[in-house]
Amino acid sequence: MTQAEFEQCLHVEENGDVIALFNGLVFRSVYQPIFRADQTVLGFEALLRATNEDGETVCPAHIFRNLDRGHPDYYKQISIDKLARVIHLRNFSRCAGTYSIFLNMLPSSAVASIANFSSQKLMLKRLKEIGIPRRHVVLEVVEHLHDDPLSLSVAAEQSISSGFKIAVDDYGVEGSKESRVRMINPNVLKIDRSMLERYMTGETTPLMEAITLANEVNAKVLVEGIENLDEYNAMRLLNVDYYQGYFLGMPQSIEAFFSHPQDFITIPQVAEVM
């Protein structure tokens, strides 16, 4: 898709939110807060919500599958991935300069975007126009979904050189490898909820090894999927850097964060319980 075709997909709703219409689907942005250890908000992970023409919810997992380049839906998926970042950044512009934004990025899209200098230059230009400092943009990639870790590593290195940050997402799911994390050398290692669940049942070694790996590559540790007080307290005892999960804050529009923060973030109540 050309830039003009991308712009034709974008629409502004009455509340000011930017949405995208593409391939019979409507895409919207929601944001989930990410907390530092001192319970202040570091930033938000931008998440995509999709509905079909009948208003029925479409699971993003059905859209973003691990497709090879020869699959007929491969380039359609890449276009949706790019559109998602466009609406996420535009909607997030009202937070410009205050919080970081964590953007999910298909590994193949990340490699293609970095390899395409004009695409990278355009993103930097757009960020400047909407006032989001590039140091506040964290690009999340899933290392085990790419069959060429070297090219992903090069893309990550170039992104960091351009002023962005890189996070390895979903670390701990089947297929994750320590060697790939070392090659990518991310700024943040996001530990998958499955590893947290194993830790809570007494299988502590995998999560502790992940924390050790993060320390060795000088990455911050972010535990995602925290769903109750016991999990949150357990991670605080490990001096984890960042925390994310439904127990701490639900995904909502950015407008909801500003208009009703008490409904958006629940961590102040956690502090009282502790």
C-alpha atoms as a PDB file:
ATOM      1  CA  MET A   1       0.000   0.000   0.000  1.00  0.00           C
ATOM      2  CA  THR A   2       1.157   3.517  -0.794  1.00  0.00           C
ATOM      3  CA  GLN A   3       1.074   6.317   1.761  1.00  0.00           C
ATOM      4  CA  ALA A   4      -1.961   7.792   0.020  1.00  0.00           C
ATOM      5  CA  GLU A   5      -3.775   4.453   0.260  1.00  0.00           C
ATOM      6  CA  PHE A   6      -2.938   4.263   3.962  1.00  0.00           C
ATOM      7  CA  GLU A   7      -4.378   7.726   4.545  1.00  0.00           C
ATOM      8  CA  GLN A   8      -7.612   6.734   2.793  1.00  0.00           C
ATOM      9  CA  CYS A   9      -8.061   3.955   5.370  1.00  0.00           C
ATOM     10  CA  LEU A  10      -7.937   6.389   8.285  1.00  0.00           C
ATOM     11  CA  HIS A  11     -10.980   8.072   9.809  1.00  0.00           C
ATOM     12  CA  VAL A  12     -11.512  10.298  12.839  1.00  0.00           C
ATOM     13  CA  GLU A  13     -14.411   9.536  15.189  1.00  0.00           C
ATOM     14  CA  GLU A  14     -16.403  12.189  17.050  1.00  0.00           C
ATOM     15  CA  ASN A  15     -14.307  11.732  20.212  1.00  0.00           C
ATOM     16  CA  GLY A  16     -11.132  12.380  18.228  1.00  0.00           C
ATOM     17  CA  ASP A  17      -9.915   8.763  18.074  1.00  0.00           C
ATOM     18  CA  VAL A  18      -8.339   7.694  14.806  1.00  0.00           C
ATOM     19  CA  ILE A  19      -9.592   4.361  13.439  1.00  0.00           C
ATOM     20  CA  ALA A  20      -8.691   2.378  10.329  1.00  0.00           C
ATOM     21  CA  LEU A  21     -11.032   0.682   7.864  1.00  0.00           C
ATOM     22  CA  PHE A  22      -9.368  -2.066   5.840  1.00  0.00           C
ATOM     23  CA  ASN A  23     -10.430  -5.280   4.158  1.00  0.00           C
ATOM     24  CA  GLY A  24     -13.910  -5.201   5.700  1.00  0.00           C
ATOM     25  CA  LEU A  25     -12.615  -4.681   9.239  1.00  0.00           C
ATOM     26  CA  VAL A  26     -12.596  -1.727  11.636  1.00  0.00           C
ATOM     27  CA  PHE A  27      -9.437  -1.284  13.737  1.00  0.00           C
ATOM     28  CA  ARG A  28      -9.202   0.713  16.967  1.00  0.00           C
ATOM     29  CA  SER A  29      -6.502   1.376  19.554  1.00  0.00           C
ATOM     30  CA  VAL A  30      -6.584   0.546  23.243  1.00  0.00           C
ATOM     31  CA  TYR A  31      -3.730   0.972  25.692  1.00  0.00           C
ATOM     32  CA  GLN A  32      -2.664  -1.011  28.746  1.00  0.00           C
ATOM     33  CA  PRO A  33      -0.523   0.693  31.403  1.00  0.00           C
ATOM     34  CA  ILE A  34       2.957  -0.501  32.305  1.00  0.00           C
ATOM     35  CA  PHE A  35       4.239   0.350  35.784  1.00  0.00           C
ATOM     36  CA  ARG A  36       7.629   0.930  37.284  1.00  0.00           C
ATOM     37  CA  ALA A  37       8.563  -0.640  40.619  1.00  0.00           C
ATOM     38  CA  ASP A  38       7.624   2.612  42.401  1.00  0.00           C
ATOM     39  CA  GLN A  39       4.051   2.235  41.014  1.00  0.00           C
ATOM     40  CA  THR A  40       4.306   5.183  38.630  1.00  0.00           C
ATOM     41  CA  VAL A  41       3.257   4.745  35.013  1.00  0.00           C
ATOM     42  CA  LEU A  42       6.156   4.163  32.613  1.00  0.00           C
ATOM     43  CA  GLY A  43       3.966   4.002  29.544  1.00  0.00           C
ATOM     44  CA  PHE A  44       1.369   1.981  27.690  1.00  0.00           C
ATOM     45  CA  GLU A  45       1.307  -1.000  25.387  1.00  0.00           C
ATOM     46  CA  ALA A  46      -0.804  -0.203  22.333  1.00  0.00           C
ATOM     47  CA  LEU A  47      -3.171  -3.047  21.490  1.00  0.00           C
ATOM     48  CA  LEU A  48      -5.333  -3.527  18.432  1.00  0.00           C
ATOM     49  CA  ARG A  49      -9.067  -4.210  18.586  1.00  0.00           C
ATOM     50  CA  ALA A  50     -10.918  -5.288  15.441  1.00  0.00           C
ATOM     51  CA  THR A  51     -14.559  -5.718  14.473  1.00  0.00           C
ATOM     52  CA  ASN A  52     -16.149  -6.895  11.250  1.00  0.00           C
ATOM     53  CA  GLU A  53     -18.876  -5.164   9.248  1.00  0.00           C
ATOM     54  CA  ASP A  54     -21.524  -6.619  11.592  1.00  0.00           C
ATOM     55  CA  GLY A  55     -19.793  -5.196  14.651  1.00  0.00           C
ATOM     56  CA  GLU A  56     -18.591  -8.606  15.823  1.00  0.00           C
ATOM     57  CA  THR A  57     -15.223  -8.799  17.541  1.00  0.00           C
ATOM     58  CA  VAL A  58     -12.401 -10.379  15.551  1.00  0.00           C
ATOM     59  CA  CYS A  59      -9.545 -11.904  17.543  1.00  0.00           C
ATOM     60  CA  PRO A  60      -6.189 -10.293  16.621  1.00  0.00           C
ATOM     61  CA  ALA A  61      -4.578 -13.747  16.813  1.00  0.00           C
ATOM     62  CA  HIS A  62      -6.630 -14.726  13.770  1.00  0.00           C
ATOM     63  CA  ILE A  63      -5.265 -11.712  11.905  1.00  0.00           C
ATOM     64  CA  PHE A  64      -1.621 -11.903  12.920  1.00  0.00           C
ATOM     65  CA  ARG A  65      -0.648 -15.463  12.212  1.00  0.00           C
ATOM     66  CA  ASN A  66       2.882 -16.676  11.522  1.00  0.00           C
ATOM     67  CA  LEU A  67       2.667 -16.550   7.727  1.00  0.00           C
ATOM     68  CA  ASP A  68       5.523 -17.150   5.312  1.00  0.00           C
ATOM     69  CA  ARG A  69       6.201 -14.719   2.490  1.00  0.00           C
ATOM     70  CA  GLY A  70       4.507 -16.970  -0.060  1.00  0.00           C
ATOM     71  CA  HIS A  71       1.156 -17.024   1.750  1.00  0.00           C
ATOM     72  CA  PRO A  72      -1.587 -15.079  -0.083  1.00  0.00           C
ATOM     73  CA  ASP A  73      -2.428 -13.116   3.100  1.00  0.00           C
ATOM     74  CA  TYR A  74       1.194 -12.237   3.942  1.00  0.00           C
ATOM     75  CA  TYR A  75       1.234  -8.700   2.495  1.00  0.00           C
ATOM     76  CA  LYS A  76      -2.292  -8.023   3.723  1.00  0.00           C
ATOM     77  CA  GLN A  77      -1.057  -8.870   7.218  1.00  0.00           C
ATOM     78  CA  ILE A  78       1.934  -6.546   6.817  1.00  0.00           C
ATOM     79  CA  SER A  79      -0.414  -3.723   5.770  1.00  0.00           C
ATOM     80  CA  ILE A  80      -2.598  -4.257   8.858  1.00  0.00           C
ATOM     81  CA  ASP A  81       0.525  -4.289  11.032  1.00  0.00           C
ATOM     82  CA  LYS A  82       1.569  -0.914   9.618  1.00  0.00           C
ATOM     83  CA  LEU A  83      -1.936   0.534   9.891  1.00  0.00           C
ATOM     84  CA  ALA A  84      -2.069  -0.504  13.538  1.00  0.00           C
ATOM     85  CA  ARG A  85       1.098   1.455  14.317  1.00  0.00           C
ATOM     86  CA  VAL A  86      -0.248   4.492  12.467  1.00  0.00           C
ATOM     87  CA  ILE A  87      -3.474   4.693  14.486  1.00  0.00           C
ATOM     88  CA  HIS A  88      -1.700   3.779  17.750  1.00  0.00           C
ATOM     89  CA  LEU A  89       0.798   6.618  17.354  1.00  0.00           C
ATOM     90  CA  ARG A  90      -1.760   9.205  16.253  1.00  0.00           C
ATOM     91  CA  ASN A  91      -4.077   8.383  19.138  1.00  0.00           C
ATOM     92  CA  PHE A  92      -1.154   8.393  21.553  1.00  0.00           C
ATOM     93  CA  SER A  93      -0.009  11.848  20.459  1.00  0.00           C
ATOM     94  CA  ARG A  94      -2.019  13.421  23.302  1.00  0.00           C
ATOM     95  CA  CYS A  95       0.486  11.704  25.645  1.00  0.00           C
ATOM     96  CA  ALA A  96       3.481  12.931  23.675  1.00  0.00           C
ATOM     97  CA  GLY A  97       6.526  13.637  25.792  1.00  0.00           C
ATOM     98  CA  THR A  98       5.083  12.186  29.000  1.00  0.00           C
ATOM     99  CA  TYR A  99       4.826   8.407  28.618  1.00  0.00           C
ATOM    100  CA  SER A 100       6.444   5.683  26.532  1.00  0.00           C
ATOM    101  CA  ILE A 101       4.460   3.710  23.980  1.00  0.00           C
ATOM    102  CA  PHE A 102       5.112   0.002  23.424  1.00  0.00           C
ATOM    103  CA  LEU A 103       4.269  -0.969  19.835  1.00  0.00           C
ATOM    104  CA  ASN A 104       3.835  -4.577  18.755  1.00  0.00           C
ATOM    105  CA  MET A 105       5.611  -5.258  15.494  1.00  0.00           C
ATOM    106  CA  LEU A 106       5.668  -8.399  13.385  1.00  0.00           C
ATOM    107  CA  PRO A 107       9.323  -9.490  13.107  1.00  0.00           C
ATOM    108  CA  SER A 108       9.061  -9.660   9.305  1.00  0.00           C
ATOM    109  CA  SER A 109       7.589  -6.161   9.276  1.00  0.00           C
ATOM    110  CA  ALA A 110      10.351  -4.876  11.545  1.00  0.00           C
ATOM    111  CA  VAL A 111      13.056  -6.270   9.277  1.00  0.00           C
ATOM    112  CA  ALA A 112      11.348  -4.935   6.145  1.00  0.00           C
ATOM    113  CA  SER A 113      10.775  -1.473   7.631  1.00  0.00           C
ATOM    114  CA  ILE A 114      14.346  -1.062   8.815  1.00  0.00           C
ATOM    115  CA  ALA A 115      15.721  -2.321   5.504  1.00  0.00           C
ATOM    116  CA  ASN A 116      13.580   0.254   3.691  1.00  0.00           C
ATOM    117  CA  PHE A 117      15.323   3.542   4.488  1.00  0.00           C
ATOM    118  CA  SER A 118      12.467   5.676   3.121  1.00  0.00           C
ATOM    119  CA  SER A 119       9.976   3.850   5.365  1.00  0.00           C
ATOM    120  CA  GLN A 120      12.154   4.451   8.427  1.00  0.00           C
ATOM    121  CA  LYS A 121      12.651   8.087   7.459  1.00  0.00           C
ATOM    122  CA  LEU A 122       8.883   8.535   7.074  1.00  0.00           C
ATOM    123  CA  MET A 123       8.227   7.108  10.554  1.00  0.00           C
ATOM    124  CA  LEU A 124      10.774   9.484  12.088  1.00  0.00           C
ATOM    125  CA  LYS A 125       9.121  12.369  10.254  1.00  0.00           C
ATOM    126  CA  ARG A 126       5.650  11.386  11.497  1.00  0.00           C
ATOM    127  CA  LEU A 127       6.865  11.056  15.078  1.00  0.00           C
ATOM    128  CA  LYS A 128       8.314  14.543  14.919  1.00  0.00           C
ATOM    129  CA  GLU A 129       5.060  15.928  13.499  1.00  0.00           C
ATOM    130  CA  ILE A 130       2.933  14.484  16.308  1.00  0.00           C
ATOM    131  CA  GLY A 131       5.492  15.305  18.997  1.00  0.00           C
ATOM    132  CA  ILE A 132       6.393  11.810  20.226  1.00  0.00           C
ATOM    133  CA  PRO A 133      10.117  11.567  21.086  1.00  0.00           C
ATOM    134  CA  ARG A 134      11.634   8.503  19.469  1.00  0.00           C
ATOM    135  CA  ARG A 135      13.226   7.573  22.811  1.00  0.00           C
ATOM    136  CA  HIS A 136       9.680   7.023  24.095  1.00  0.00           C
ATOM    137  CA  VAL A 137       8.903   4.450  21.382  1.00  0.00           C
ATOM    138  CA  VAL A 138       9.525   0.808  22.305  1.00  0.00           C
ATOM    139  CA  LEU A 139       9.217  -1.625  19.408  1.00  0.00           C
ATOM    140  CA  GLU A 140       8.109  -5.075  20.597  1.00  0.00           C
ATOM    141  CA  VAL A 141       9.118  -8.114  18.547  1.00  0.00           C
ATOM    142  CA  VAL A 142       8.602 -11.824  19.173  1.00  0.00           C
ATOM    143  CA  GLU A 143      11.995 -13.406  18.482  1.00  0.00           C
ATOM    144  CA  HIS A 144      10.762 -16.955  17.905  1.00  0.00           C
ATOM    145  CA  LEU A 145       8.421 -15.907  15.076  1.00  0.00           C
ATOM    146  CA  HIS A 146      11.302 -15.050  12.743  1.00  0.00           C
ATOM    147  CA  ASP A 147      13.467 -17.646  11.059  1.00  0.00           C
ATOM    148  CA  ASP A 148      16.424 -15.306  10.503  1.00  0.00           C
ATOM    149  CA  PRO A 149      17.590 -14.050  13.907  1.00  0.00           C
ATOM    150  CA  LEU A 150      20.604 -12.327  12.355  1.00  0.00           C
ATOM    151  CA  SER A 151      18.463 -10.026  10.183  1.00  0.00           C
ATOM    152  CA  LEU A 152      16.200  -9.347  13.172  1.00  0.00           C
ATOM    153  CA  SER A 153      19.277  -8.528  15.246  1.00  0.00           C
ATOM    154  CA  VAL A 154      20.511  -6.077  12.605  1.00  0.00           C
ATOM    155  CA  ALA A 155      17.068  -4.436  12.460  1.00  0.00           C
ATOM    156  CA  ALA A 156      17.015  -4.125  16.259  1.00  0.00           C
ATOM    157  CA  GLU A 157      20.503  -2.627  16.329  1.00  0.00           C
ATOM    158  CA  GLN A 158      19.611  -0.077  13.649  1.00  0.00           C
ATOM    159  CA  SER A 159      16.389   0.820  15.473  1.00  0.00           C
ATOM    160  CA  ILE A 160      18.309   1.451  18.698  1.00  0.00           C
ATOM    161  CA  SER A 161      20.853   3.521  16.747  1.00  0.00           C
ATOM    162  CA  SER A 162      17.937   5.596  15.431  1.00  0.00           C
ATOM    163  CA  GLY A 163      16.842   6.355  18.991  1.00  0.00           C
ATOM    164  CA  PHE A 164      14.123   3.743  19.500  1.00  0.00           C
ATOM    165  CA  LYS A 165      14.058   1.010  22.125  1.00  0.00           C
ATOM    166  CA  ILE A 166      13.546  -2.698  21.447  1.00  0.00           C
ATOM    167  CA  ALA A 167      11.635  -5.171  23.594  1.00  0.00           C
ATOM    168  CA  VAL A 168      11.567  -8.937  23.109  1.00  0.00           C
ATOM    169  CA  ASP A 169       7.926  -9.895  23.696  1.00  0.00           C
ATOM    170  CA  ASP A 170       6.452 -13.154  25.030  1.00  0.00           C
ATOM    171  CA  TYR A 171       9.771 -14.534  26.220  1.00  0.00           C
ATOM    172  CA  GLY A 172       9.243 -17.976  27.729  1.00  0.00           C
ATOM    173  CA  VAL A 173       6.687 -19.356  25.298  1.00  0.00           C
ATOM    174  CA  GLU A 174       7.510 -22.434  23.257  1.00  0.00           C
ATOM    175  CA  GLY A 175      10.205 -21.597  20.736  1.00  0.00           C
ATOM    176  CA  SER A 176      11.933 -18.811  22.685  1.00  0.00           C
ATOM    177  CA  LYS A 177      15.693 -19.145  22.776  1.00  0.00           C
ATOM    178  CA  GLU A 178      18.300 -17.493  24.962  1.00  0.00           C
ATOM    179  CA  SER A 179      20.725 -17.306  22.028  1.00  0.00           C
ATOM    180  CA  ARG A 180      18.312 -15.193  19.984  1.00  0.00           C
ATOM    181  CA  VAL A 181      17.802 -12.761  22.853  1.00  0.00           C
ATOM    182  CA  ARG A 182      21.556 -12.366  23.171  1.00  0.00           C
ATOM    183  CA  MET A 183      21.791 -11.720  19.439  1.00  0.00           C
ATOM    184  CA  ILE A 184      18.995  -9.125  19.462  1.00  0.00           C
ATOM    185  CA  ASN A 185      20.314  -7.491  22.661  1.00  0.00           C
ATOM    186  CA  PRO A 186      17.021  -5.754  23.578  1.00  0.00           C
ATOM    187  CA  ASN A 187      16.427  -2.879  25.975  1.00  0.00           C
ATOM    188  CA  VAL A 188      13.504  -4.718  27.598  1.00  0.00           C
ATOM    189  CA  LEU A 189      12.773  -8.424  28.067  1.00  0.00           C
ATOM    190  CA  LYS A 190       9.033  -9.057  28.448  1.00  0.00           C
ATOM    191  CA  ILE A 191       8.472 -12.283  30.351  1.00  0.00           C
ATOM    192  CA  ASP A 192       5.375 -14.163  29.242  1.00  0.00           C
ATOM    193  CA  ARG A 193       2.585 -14.953  31.689  1.00  0.00           C
ATOM    194  CA  SER A 194       3.155 -18.686  31.217  1.00  0.00           C
ATOM    195  CA  MET A 195       6.515 -18.343  32.936  1.00  0.00           C
ATOM    196  CA  LEU A 196       4.901 -16.372  35.772  1.00  0.00           C
ATOM    197  CA  GLU A 197       2.320 -19.132  36.227  1.00  0.00           C
ATOM    198  CA  ARG A 198       5.044 -21.761  36.452  1.00  0.00           C
ATOM    199  CA  TYR A 199       6.854 -19.653  39.039  1.00  0.00           C
ATOM    200  CA  MET A 200       3.721 -19.388  41.176  1.00  0.00           C
ATOM    201  CA  THR A 201       3.328 -23.191  41.197  1.00  0.00           C
ATOM    202  CA  GLY A 202       6.858 -23.663  42.487  1.00  0.00           C
ATOM    203  CA  GLU A 203       8.707 -24.079  39.174  1.00  0.00           C
ATOM    204  CA  THR A 204      10.880 -21.027  39.804  1.00  0.00           C
ATOM    205  CA  THR A 205      13.979 -21.818  37.728  1.00  0.00           C
ATOM    206  CA  PRO A 206      12.765 -20.706  34.250  1.00  0.00           C
ATOM    207  CA  LEU A 207      11.703 -17.246  35.381  1.00  0.00           C
ATOM    208  CA  MET A 208      14.848 -16.743  37.466  1.00  0.00           C
ATOM    209  CA  GLU A 209      16.976 -17.760  34.480  1.00  0.00           C
ATOM    210  CA  ALA A 210      15.088 -15.257  32.333  1.00  0.00           C
ATOM    211  CA  ILE A 211      15.838 -12.488  34.842  1.00  0.00           C
ATOM    212  CA  THR A 212      19.490 -13.501  34.848  1.00  0.00           C
ATOM    213  CA  LEU A 213      19.522 -13.397  31.035  1.00  0.00           C
ATOM    214  CA  ALA A 214      18.017  -9.906  31.053  1.00  0.00           C
ATOM    215  CA  ASN A 215      20.641  -8.713  33.513  1.00  0.00           C
ATOM    216  CA  GLU A 216      23.423 -10.174  31.378  1.00  0.00           C
ATOM    217  CA  VAL A 217      22.267  -8.317  28.255  1.00  0.00           C
ATOM    218  CA  ASN A 218      21.554  -5.132  30.263  1.00  0.00           C
ATOM    219  CA  ALA A 219      17.812  -5.308  29.580  1.00  0.00           C
ATOM    220  CA  LYS A 220      15.040  -4.209  31.895  1.00  0.00           C
ATOM    221  CA  VAL A 221      12.707  -6.979  33.080  1.00  0.00           C
ATOM    222  CA  LEU A 222       8.979  -6.608  32.416  1.00  0.00           C
ATOM    223  CA  VAL A 223       6.613  -9.294  33.683  1.00  0.00           C
ATOM    224  CA  GLU A 224       3.320  -9.329  31.764  1.00  0.00           C
ATOM    225  CA  GLY A 225       0.034 -11.008  32.554  1.00  0.00           C
ATOM    226  CA  ILE A 226      -0.154 -10.203  36.280  1.00  0.00           C
ATOM    227  CA  GLU A 227      -3.723 -11.094  37.236  1.00  0.00           C
ATOM    228  CA  ASN A 228      -3.870 -11.113  41.033  1.00  0.00           C
ATOM    229  CA  LEU A 229      -2.296  -9.675  44.171  1.00  0.00           C
ATOM    230  CA  ASP A 230      -0.225 -12.764  44.968  1.00  0.00           C
ATOM    231  CA  GLU A 231       1.465 -12.639  41.564  1.00  0.00           C
ATOM    232  CA  TYR A 232       2.121  -8.938  41.896  1.00  0.00           C
ATOM    233  CA  ASN A 233       3.628  -9.303  45.370  1.00  0.00           C
ATOM    234  CA  ALA A 234       5.783 -12.237  44.252  1.00  0.00           C
ATOM    235  CA  MET A 235       7.257 -10.200  41.400  1.00  0.00           C
ATOM    236  CA  ARG A 236       7.858  -7.207  43.650  1.00  0.00           C
ATOM    237  CA  LEU A 237       9.915  -9.435  45.923  1.00  0.00           C
ATOM    238  CA  LEU A 238      12.103 -10.252  42.897  1.00  0.00           C
ATOM    239  CA  ASN A 239      12.730  -6.525  42.268  1.00  0.00           C
ATOM    240  CA  VAL A 240      11.344  -6.727  38.746  1.00  0.00           C
ATOM    241  CA  ASP A 241      11.695  -3.430  36.849  1.00  0.00           C
ATOM    242  CA  TYR A 242       8.284  -3.176  35.157  1.00  0.00           C
ATOM    243  CA  TYR A 243       4.818  -4.705  35.707  1.00  0.00           C
ATOM    244  CA  GLN A 244       1.827  -5.224  33.427  1.00  0.00           C
ATOM    245  CA  GLY A 245      -1.450  -7.105  33.657  1.00  0.00           C
ATOM    246  CA  TYR A 246      -5.222  -6.942  34.057  1.00  0.00           C
ATOM    247  CA  PHE A 247      -4.874  -6.775  37.841  1.00  0.00           C
ATOM    248  CA  LEU A 248      -2.956  -3.509  37.543  1.00  0.00           C
ATOM    249  CA  GLY A 249      -4.715  -1.823  34.649  1.00  0.00           C
ATOM    250  CA  MET A 250      -7.166  -2.778  31.924  1.00  0.00           C
ATOM    251  CA  PRO A 251      -6.731  -1.869  28.247  1.00  0.00           C
ATOM    252  CA  GLN A 252      -8.773   1.232  27.460  1.00  0.00           C
ATOM    253  CA  SER A 253      -8.744   4.183  25.129  1.00  0.00           C
ATOM    254  CA  ILE A 254      -6.311   6.973  25.929  1.00  0.00           C
ATOM    255  CA  GLU A 255      -9.317   9.248  26.393  1.00  0.00           C
ATOM    256  CA  ALA A 256     -10.502   6.949  29.216  1.00  0.00           C
ATOM    257  CA  PHE A 257      -7.123   7.254  30.918  1.00  0.00           C
ATOM    258  CA  PHE A 258      -7.403  11.026  31.075  1.00  0.00           C
ATOM    259  CA  SER A 259     -11.131  11.276  31.840  1.00  0.00           C
ATOM    260  CA  HIS A 260     -11.511   8.374  34.302  1.00  0.00           C
ATOM    261  CA  PRO A 261      -8.051   7.255  35.504  1.00  0.00           C
ATOM    262  CA  GLN A 262      -9.564   5.599  38.573  1.00  0.00           C
ATOM    263  CA  ASP A 263     -11.331   3.104  36.290  1.00  0.00           C
ATOM    264  CA  PHE A 264      -8.276   2.620  34.109  1.00  0.00           C
ATOM    265  CA  ILE A 265      -5.573   1.908  36.670  1.00  0.00           C
ATOM    266  CA  THR A 266      -6.132  -0.206  39.773  1.00  0.00           C
ATOM    267  CA  ILE A 267      -2.639  -0.175  41.239  1.00  0.00           C
ATOM    268  CA  PRO A 268      -3.351   2.598  43.825  1.00  0.00           C
ATOM    269  CA  GLN A 269      -5.721   0.146  45.532  1.00  0.00           C
ATOM    270  CA  VAL A 270      -2.947  -2.451  45.513  1.00  0.00           C
ATOM    271  CA  ALA A 271      -0.714  -0.064  47.437  1.00  0.00           C
ATOM    272  CA  GLU A 272      -3.381   0.283  50.138  1.00  0.00           C
ATOM    273  CA  VAL A 273      -3.791  -3.493  50.478  1.00  0.00           C
ATOM    274  CA  MET A 274      -0.070  -3.911  50.916  1.00  0.00           C
END
